[in-house]
N, C-alpha and C. Protein backbone atom coordinates (compact mmCIF):
# COMPACT_ATOMS: atom_id res chain seq x y z
N MET A 1 -10.03 28.65 -48.70
CA MET A 1 -9.75 28.09 -47.40
C MET A 1 -9.55 29.17 -46.40
N ARG A 2 -8.82 30.15 -46.74
CA ARG A 2 -8.53 31.29 -45.81
C ARG A 2 -9.73 32.00 -45.37
N ARG A 3 -10.58 32.26 -46.26
CA ARG A 3 -11.80 33.01 -45.96
C ARG A 3 -12.65 32.24 -44.96
N SER A 4 -12.81 30.90 -45.21
CA SER A 4 -13.64 30.08 -44.33
C SER A 4 -12.93 29.96 -42.91
N LEU A 5 -11.65 29.87 -42.94
CA LEU A 5 -10.95 29.81 -41.68
C LEU A 5 -11.06 31.18 -40.88
N ALA A 6 -11.00 32.34 -41.58
CA ALA A 6 -11.24 33.53 -40.97
C ALA A 6 -12.62 33.70 -40.45
N LEU A 7 -13.61 33.33 -41.29
CA LEU A 7 -15.03 33.49 -40.91
C LEU A 7 -15.25 32.59 -39.70
N PHE A 8 -14.77 31.36 -39.66
CA PHE A 8 -14.90 30.52 -38.50
C PHE A 8 -14.47 31.22 -37.16
N TRP A 9 -13.24 31.75 -37.16
CA TRP A 9 -12.66 32.35 -35.92
C TRP A 9 -13.46 33.67 -35.63
N LEU A 10 -13.84 34.42 -36.65
CA LEU A 10 -14.60 35.65 -36.34
C LEU A 10 -15.88 35.37 -35.79
N VAL A 11 -16.67 34.41 -36.31
CA VAL A 11 -17.97 34.06 -35.79
C VAL A 11 -17.80 33.47 -34.31
N ALA A 12 -16.81 32.62 -34.13
CA ALA A 12 -16.55 32.00 -32.82
C ALA A 12 -16.25 33.08 -31.87
N GLY A 13 -15.42 34.14 -32.12
CA GLY A 13 -15.09 35.15 -31.28
C GLY A 13 -16.26 36.00 -30.96
N VAL A 14 -17.08 36.43 -31.90
CA VAL A 14 -18.24 37.21 -31.69
C VAL A 14 -19.29 36.55 -30.79
N MET A 15 -19.39 35.16 -30.88
CA MET A 15 -20.26 34.47 -30.11
C MET A 15 -19.93 34.51 -28.56
N HIS A 16 -18.71 34.78 -28.25
CA HIS A 16 -18.29 34.98 -26.85
C HIS A 16 -18.94 36.15 -26.29
N PHE A 17 -19.32 37.19 -27.07
CA PHE A 17 -19.92 38.41 -26.58
C PHE A 17 -21.48 38.40 -26.85
N ALA A 18 -21.83 37.73 -27.86
CA ALA A 18 -23.33 37.67 -28.17
C ALA A 18 -23.98 36.75 -27.19
N VAL A 19 -23.44 35.59 -26.94
CA VAL A 19 -24.04 34.54 -26.01
C VAL A 19 -22.88 34.09 -25.07
N PRO A 20 -22.53 34.87 -24.12
CA PRO A 20 -21.40 34.49 -23.27
C PRO A 20 -21.72 33.45 -22.29
N GLY A 21 -22.98 33.13 -21.94
CA GLY A 21 -23.25 32.17 -20.91
C GLY A 21 -22.62 30.80 -21.08
N PRO A 22 -22.84 30.24 -22.28
CA PRO A 22 -22.20 28.84 -22.35
C PRO A 22 -20.68 28.85 -22.25
N TYR A 23 -20.04 29.90 -22.72
CA TYR A 23 -18.66 29.98 -22.62
C TYR A 23 -18.13 30.22 -21.14
N ARG A 24 -18.98 30.93 -20.39
CA ARG A 24 -18.61 31.03 -19.00
C ARG A 24 -18.79 29.81 -18.23
N ALA A 25 -19.79 29.00 -18.71
CA ALA A 25 -20.07 27.77 -18.06
C ALA A 25 -18.94 26.79 -18.12
N ILE A 26 -18.15 26.86 -19.17
CA ILE A 26 -17.04 25.81 -19.38
C ILE A 26 -15.71 26.34 -18.89
N VAL A 27 -15.56 27.52 -18.37
CA VAL A 27 -14.31 27.98 -17.81
C VAL A 27 -14.10 27.02 -16.58
N PRO A 28 -12.90 26.41 -16.57
CA PRO A 28 -12.57 25.46 -15.37
C PRO A 28 -12.80 26.17 -14.08
N ARG A 29 -13.36 25.49 -13.17
CA ARG A 29 -13.77 26.01 -11.78
C ARG A 29 -12.66 26.75 -11.11
N ARG A 30 -11.35 26.17 -11.23
CA ARG A 30 -10.31 26.82 -10.53
C ARG A 30 -10.01 28.30 -10.99
N LEU A 31 -10.60 28.63 -12.24
CA LEU A 31 -10.48 29.98 -12.85
C LEU A 31 -11.81 30.68 -12.83
N GLY A 32 -12.73 30.23 -12.06
CA GLY A 32 -14.12 30.70 -12.02
C GLY A 32 -14.18 32.23 -11.65
N ARG A 33 -13.30 32.56 -10.85
CA ARG A 33 -13.28 33.96 -10.34
C ARG A 33 -13.22 35.03 -11.47
N TRP A 34 -12.57 34.59 -12.62
CA TRP A 34 -12.23 35.37 -13.78
C TRP A 34 -13.01 35.00 -14.95
N ARG A 35 -14.16 34.34 -14.81
CA ARG A 35 -14.96 33.79 -15.94
C ARG A 35 -15.28 34.86 -17.00
N ARG A 36 -15.74 35.96 -16.58
CA ARG A 36 -16.13 37.02 -17.50
C ARG A 36 -14.92 37.47 -18.29
N GLU A 37 -13.86 37.74 -17.61
CA GLU A 37 -12.58 38.31 -18.25
C GLU A 37 -12.04 37.23 -19.20
N ILE A 38 -12.06 35.88 -18.78
CA ILE A 38 -11.51 34.80 -19.61
C ILE A 38 -12.35 34.72 -20.91
N VAL A 39 -13.57 34.80 -20.75
CA VAL A 39 -14.44 34.65 -21.98
C VAL A 39 -14.30 35.83 -22.95
N ALA A 40 -14.17 37.06 -22.35
CA ALA A 40 -13.98 38.20 -23.15
C ALA A 40 -12.56 38.13 -23.90
N ALA A 41 -11.54 37.75 -23.11
CA ALA A 41 -10.20 37.63 -23.69
C ALA A 41 -10.11 36.60 -24.72
N SER A 42 -10.71 35.44 -24.52
CA SER A 42 -10.66 34.44 -25.60
C SER A 42 -11.60 34.80 -26.83
N GLY A 43 -12.63 35.60 -26.56
CA GLY A 43 -13.38 36.09 -27.79
C GLY A 43 -12.57 37.09 -28.59
N VAL A 44 -11.90 38.01 -27.84
CA VAL A 44 -11.00 39.00 -28.56
C VAL A 44 -9.89 38.24 -29.32
N ALA A 45 -9.31 37.22 -28.65
CA ALA A 45 -8.15 36.42 -29.29
C ALA A 45 -8.64 35.76 -30.58
N GLU A 46 -9.93 35.19 -30.54
CA GLU A 46 -10.39 34.50 -31.73
C GLU A 46 -10.72 35.56 -32.84
N ILE A 47 -11.24 36.74 -32.52
CA ILE A 47 -11.48 37.73 -33.45
C ILE A 47 -10.21 38.24 -34.08
N ALA A 48 -9.29 38.54 -33.23
CA ALA A 48 -7.93 38.99 -33.69
C ALA A 48 -7.27 37.99 -34.68
N GLY A 49 -7.41 36.65 -34.20
CA GLY A 49 -6.80 35.73 -35.14
C GLY A 49 -7.47 35.56 -36.47
N GLY A 50 -8.87 35.65 -36.46
CA GLY A 50 -9.59 35.58 -37.67
C GLY A 50 -9.27 36.69 -38.61
N LEU A 51 -9.11 37.88 -38.03
CA LEU A 51 -8.78 39.07 -38.88
C LEU A 51 -7.33 38.91 -39.39
N GLY A 52 -6.44 38.38 -38.54
CA GLY A 52 -5.04 38.18 -38.93
C GLY A 52 -4.87 37.23 -40.19
N VAL A 53 -5.72 36.31 -40.22
CA VAL A 53 -5.72 35.36 -41.36
C VAL A 53 -5.88 36.00 -42.69
N LEU A 54 -6.66 37.12 -42.61
CA LEU A 54 -7.07 37.75 -43.98
C LEU A 54 -5.93 38.41 -44.64
N SER A 55 -4.99 38.92 -43.94
CA SER A 55 -3.84 39.70 -44.47
C SER A 55 -2.62 38.90 -44.62
N GLU A 56 -2.05 38.94 -45.87
CA GLU A 56 -0.84 38.20 -46.04
C GLU A 56 0.22 38.59 -45.15
N ARG A 57 0.31 39.87 -44.78
CA ARG A 57 1.31 40.35 -43.86
C ARG A 57 1.22 39.83 -42.40
N THR A 58 -0.06 39.68 -41.97
CA THR A 58 -0.26 39.25 -40.56
C THR A 58 -0.57 37.75 -40.49
N ARG A 59 -0.65 37.07 -41.64
CA ARG A 59 -1.00 35.65 -41.50
C ARG A 59 0.02 34.74 -40.82
N PRO A 60 1.33 34.95 -40.90
CA PRO A 60 2.18 34.07 -40.15
C PRO A 60 1.97 34.24 -38.60
N ALA A 61 1.75 35.50 -38.10
CA ALA A 61 1.54 35.69 -36.72
C ALA A 61 0.19 35.12 -36.36
N ALA A 62 -0.79 35.17 -37.22
CA ALA A 62 -2.14 34.64 -36.95
C ALA A 62 -2.16 33.20 -36.74
N ARG A 63 -1.16 32.57 -37.49
CA ARG A 63 -1.11 31.06 -37.36
C ARG A 63 -0.66 30.72 -35.88
N TRP A 64 0.35 31.38 -35.45
CA TRP A 64 0.83 31.04 -34.07
C TRP A 64 -0.11 31.55 -33.06
N TRP A 65 -0.78 32.64 -33.27
CA TRP A 65 -1.77 33.22 -32.42
C TRP A 65 -2.99 32.31 -32.17
N LEU A 66 -3.40 31.70 -33.30
CA LEU A 66 -4.55 30.83 -33.23
C LEU A 66 -4.15 29.47 -32.60
N LEU A 67 -2.99 28.97 -32.95
CA LEU A 67 -2.59 27.80 -32.37
C LEU A 67 -2.46 27.93 -30.82
N ALA A 68 -1.94 29.09 -30.39
CA ALA A 68 -1.81 29.31 -28.95
C ALA A 68 -3.17 29.42 -28.35
N THR A 69 -4.10 30.04 -29.07
CA THR A 69 -5.49 30.17 -28.54
C THR A 69 -6.10 28.77 -28.50
N LEU A 70 -5.96 28.00 -29.30
CA LEU A 70 -6.49 26.60 -29.25
C LEU A 70 -5.94 25.87 -28.03
N ALA A 71 -4.52 26.08 -27.76
CA ALA A 71 -3.99 25.46 -26.61
C ALA A 71 -4.58 26.02 -25.34
N ALA A 72 -4.79 27.33 -25.34
CA ALA A 72 -5.25 28.08 -24.18
C ALA A 72 -6.72 27.67 -23.76
N VAL A 73 -7.54 27.33 -24.77
CA VAL A 73 -8.94 27.01 -24.48
C VAL A 73 -9.11 25.50 -24.35
N PHE A 74 -8.14 24.68 -24.60
CA PHE A 74 -8.21 23.21 -24.51
C PHE A 74 -8.69 22.86 -23.09
N PRO A 75 -8.18 23.40 -22.02
CA PRO A 75 -8.65 23.07 -20.62
C PRO A 75 -10.19 23.15 -20.43
N ALA A 76 -10.74 24.11 -21.14
CA ALA A 76 -12.20 24.25 -20.99
C ALA A 76 -12.86 23.06 -21.68
N ASN A 77 -12.42 22.58 -22.83
CA ASN A 77 -12.97 21.45 -23.45
C ASN A 77 -12.74 20.20 -22.56
N VAL A 78 -11.61 20.10 -21.89
CA VAL A 78 -11.34 18.90 -21.09
C VAL A 78 -12.30 19.07 -19.83
N GLU A 79 -12.53 20.18 -19.44
CA GLU A 79 -13.47 20.45 -18.22
C GLU A 79 -14.82 19.96 -18.60
N MET A 80 -15.26 20.32 -19.83
CA MET A 80 -16.61 19.78 -20.30
C MET A 80 -16.64 18.30 -20.35
N ALA A 81 -15.65 17.73 -20.87
CA ALA A 81 -15.61 16.25 -20.96
C ALA A 81 -15.68 15.58 -19.60
N LEU A 82 -14.90 16.06 -18.67
CA LEU A 82 -14.69 15.50 -17.30
C LEU A 82 -16.02 15.74 -16.49
N ARG A 83 -16.68 16.87 -16.79
CA ARG A 83 -17.89 17.21 -16.00
C ARG A 83 -19.16 17.19 -16.85
N SER A 84 -19.28 16.08 -17.63
CA SER A 84 -20.29 16.01 -18.56
C SER A 84 -21.69 16.16 -17.95
N GLU A 85 -21.78 15.76 -16.71
CA GLU A 85 -23.13 15.94 -16.10
C GLU A 85 -23.62 17.40 -16.00
N ARG A 86 -22.69 18.35 -16.05
CA ARG A 86 -23.03 19.76 -16.04
C ARG A 86 -23.62 20.21 -17.39
N TYR A 87 -23.39 19.40 -18.39
CA TYR A 87 -23.76 19.77 -19.81
C TYR A 87 -24.73 18.73 -20.39
N ASP A 88 -25.87 18.63 -19.68
CA ASP A 88 -26.71 17.47 -19.99
C ASP A 88 -27.34 17.64 -21.41
N ARG A 89 -27.26 18.71 -22.08
CA ARG A 89 -27.77 18.91 -23.45
C ARG A 89 -26.88 18.23 -24.56
N ILE A 90 -25.67 18.03 -24.09
CA ILE A 90 -24.68 17.47 -25.05
C ILE A 90 -24.32 16.09 -24.59
N PRO A 91 -24.49 15.02 -25.39
CA PRO A 91 -24.13 13.70 -24.96
C PRO A 91 -22.67 13.62 -24.60
N ALA A 92 -22.37 12.96 -23.55
CA ALA A 92 -20.91 12.84 -23.06
C ALA A 92 -19.96 12.30 -24.18
N PRO A 93 -20.34 11.33 -24.93
CA PRO A 93 -19.34 10.94 -25.98
C PRO A 93 -18.98 12.08 -26.97
N LEU A 94 -19.92 12.96 -27.23
CA LEU A 94 -19.61 14.06 -28.07
C LEU A 94 -18.61 15.03 -27.38
N LEU A 95 -18.73 15.20 -26.17
CA LEU A 95 -17.79 16.06 -25.37
C LEU A 95 -16.33 15.43 -25.47
N TRP A 96 -16.29 14.14 -25.31
CA TRP A 96 -14.97 13.49 -25.47
C TRP A 96 -14.50 13.52 -26.90
N ALA A 97 -15.36 13.39 -27.88
CA ALA A 97 -15.05 13.31 -29.28
C ALA A 97 -14.45 14.67 -29.76
N ARG A 98 -14.86 15.79 -29.11
CA ARG A 98 -14.39 17.11 -29.65
C ARG A 98 -12.93 17.38 -29.23
N LEU A 99 -12.40 16.64 -28.27
CA LEU A 99 -11.02 16.80 -27.91
C LEU A 99 -10.03 16.55 -28.92
N PRO A 100 -10.09 15.41 -29.65
CA PRO A 100 -9.17 15.19 -30.75
C PRO A 100 -9.56 16.12 -32.07
N LEU A 101 -10.79 16.61 -32.07
CA LEU A 101 -11.26 17.46 -33.16
C LEU A 101 -10.38 18.78 -33.08
N GLN A 102 -9.93 19.13 -31.88
CA GLN A 102 -9.10 20.37 -31.86
C GLN A 102 -7.74 20.15 -32.53
N ALA A 103 -7.25 18.95 -32.63
CA ALA A 103 -6.05 18.72 -33.43
C ALA A 103 -6.37 18.99 -34.90
N LEU A 104 -7.53 18.47 -35.39
CA LEU A 104 -7.91 18.78 -36.73
C LEU A 104 -8.06 20.27 -37.05
N LEU A 105 -8.69 21.05 -36.08
CA LEU A 105 -8.76 22.41 -36.20
C LEU A 105 -7.41 23.03 -36.23
N ALA A 106 -6.45 22.56 -35.45
CA ALA A 106 -5.07 23.13 -35.49
C ALA A 106 -4.47 22.85 -36.88
N LEU A 107 -4.70 21.74 -37.42
CA LEU A 107 -4.22 21.40 -38.70
C LEU A 107 -4.81 22.27 -39.78
N HIS A 108 -6.14 22.61 -39.63
CA HIS A 108 -6.75 23.60 -40.54
C HIS A 108 -6.12 24.93 -40.42
N VAL A 109 -5.84 25.39 -39.23
CA VAL A 109 -5.17 26.69 -38.97
C VAL A 109 -3.81 26.63 -39.69
N TRP A 110 -3.05 25.55 -39.48
CA TRP A 110 -1.72 25.46 -40.03
C TRP A 110 -1.71 25.59 -41.53
N ARG A 111 -2.65 24.81 -42.20
CA ARG A 111 -2.71 24.77 -43.57
C ARG A 111 -3.38 26.02 -44.14
N GLY A 112 -4.35 26.55 -43.44
CA GLY A 112 -5.00 27.80 -43.94
C GLY A 112 -4.21 29.07 -43.74
N THR A 113 -3.10 28.98 -43.07
CA THR A 113 -2.25 30.12 -42.84
C THR A 113 -0.92 29.93 -43.61
N ALA A 114 -0.79 28.96 -44.32
CA ALA A 114 0.49 28.69 -45.03
C ALA A 114 0.70 29.67 -46.12
N ALA A 115 1.98 30.00 -46.46
CA ALA A 115 2.21 30.98 -47.45
C ALA A 115 1.74 30.67 -48.79
């Protein structure tokens, strides 16, 4: 479970740099001035969290780091759901459905980083 958790976060973080456009598009408008920086910071946060999961020594900190990261990016997911017309490639019900899925991801982080 830990390896899959780490891999998920590492891939997610790298994607912020490999294909930044979609991530920049979901940064809430009020933060639009810092789109590039926010996407880079969230990518670094996800990579750091994924790496942290791998080591027993850093795993407890990785747990809280990743939970905080999920909380920090939640507004972008809300932005997508509220402005579904901007994301016409994704059906609006899926954008709304992904909001509670973050709770499941948080649970996976919690369990995957348990001692």
